[in-house]
Amino acid sequence: MSKKQSYMNNENILSEGFFDSLLKIFKGHPELKNNKKIKNNIKDLNKKVSNLEQMMNDELASFGSKEKIKLKQHKLSDFIKDI
């Protein structure tokens, strides 16, 4: 049986995203992982994500939907796991 090519293989996935760019920066400069400003900005990012999640859920409720949206919160380790 021939081996079917998987398009979900990590080698085939494009890495042009925002978080991939951040990961490259942290790999090149590991001293950034202890920076308080960066940690505070990640907390701010999570607050914005929570606000967006709440706004989206409120909009869905105004349309009569009982569906809830849950967005992922980020940690510093999401960006520096390969260091």
Protein backbone atom coordinates (compact mmCIF):
# COMPACT_ATOMS: atom_id res chain seq x y z
CA MET A 1 0.00 0.00 0.00
CA SER A 2 1.42 3.39 -0.93
CA LYS A 3 2.05 5.91 1.79
CA LYS A 4 -0.49 8.73 1.59
CA GLN A 5 0.93 12.24 1.95
CA SER A 6 -0.45 14.05 4.97
CA TYR A 7 -0.97 17.78 4.69
CA MET A 8 -1.11 18.08 8.48
CA ASN A 9 2.52 17.04 8.83
CA ASN A 10 4.53 19.59 10.84
CA GLU A 11 7.06 19.84 8.01
CA ASN A 12 4.32 20.86 5.56
CA ILE A 13 2.58 23.50 7.69
CA LEU A 14 3.37 27.13 6.92
CA SER A 15 4.90 29.00 9.84
CA GLU A 16 4.10 32.58 8.93
CA GLY A 17 1.78 33.38 11.82
CA PHE A 18 2.02 36.04 14.48
CA PHE A 19 2.81 33.60 17.29
CA ASP A 20 5.44 31.82 15.23
CA SER A 21 7.17 35.16 14.73
CA LEU A 22 7.14 35.75 18.47
CA LEU A 23 8.59 32.30 19.07
CA LYS A 24 11.48 33.07 16.69
CA ILE A 25 12.20 36.29 18.59
CA PHE A 26 12.24 34.48 21.93
CA LYS A 27 14.50 31.76 20.52
CA GLY A 28 17.01 34.37 19.39
CA HIS A 29 16.88 36.31 22.66
CA PRO A 30 16.19 33.97 25.62
CA GLU A 31 16.79 36.79 28.11
CA LEU A 32 13.40 38.22 27.10
CA LYS A 33 11.55 35.44 28.91
CA ASN A 34 12.34 37.06 32.29
CA ASN A 35 11.33 40.57 31.25
CA LYS A 36 8.52 41.98 33.44
CA LYS A 37 7.20 44.22 30.66
CA ILE A 38 6.71 41.21 28.40
CA LYS A 39 4.95 39.26 31.14
CA ASN A 40 2.66 42.23 31.82
CA ASN A 41 1.87 42.57 28.11
CA ILE A 42 0.92 38.89 27.93
CA LYS A 43 -1.45 39.53 30.86
CA ASP A 44 -2.89 42.48 28.92
CA LEU A 45 -3.26 40.25 25.85
CA ASN A 46 -5.24 37.77 27.93
CA LYS A 47 -7.46 40.56 29.26
CA LYS A 48 -8.17 41.67 25.68
CA VAL A 49 -8.93 38.08 24.69
CA SER A 50 -11.34 37.81 27.62
CA ASN A 51 -13.02 41.08 26.63
CA LEU A 52 -13.36 39.89 23.04
CA GLU A 53 -14.77 36.56 24.21
CA GLN A 54 -17.34 38.32 26.43
CA MET A 55 -18.35 40.70 23.63
CA MET A 56 -18.82 37.82 21.19
CA ASN A 57 -20.88 35.84 23.71
CA ASP A 58 -23.04 38.91 24.41
CA GLU A 59 -23.65 39.35 20.68
CA LEU A 60 -24.59 35.69 20.29
CA ALA A 61 -26.99 36.02 23.23
CA SER A 62 -28.60 39.07 21.63
CA PHE A 63 -29.36 36.91 18.57
CA GLY A 64 -31.01 34.32 20.81
CA SER A 65 -28.22 31.76 20.59
CA LYS A 66 -27.23 29.73 23.64
CA GLU A 67 -23.87 28.87 22.12
CA LYS A 68 -20.78 30.09 24.01
CA ILE A 69 -17.39 30.91 22.55
CA LYS A 70 -14.28 30.07 24.56
CA LEU A 71 -10.98 31.56 23.40
CA LYS A 72 -7.59 30.27 24.51
CA GLN A 73 -5.64 32.20 27.12
CA HIS A 74 -1.91 32.50 26.46
CA LYS A 75 1.07 31.89 28.72
CA LEU A 76 4.69 32.89 28.27
CA SER A 77 5.53 29.21 27.73
CA ASP A 78 3.34 29.26 24.59
CA PHE A 79 5.97 31.47 23.01
CA ILE A 80 9.18 30.06 24.47
CA LYS A 81 8.59 26.31 24.73
CA ASP A 82 11.50 25.45 22.38
CA ILE A 83 14.13 27.48 24.26
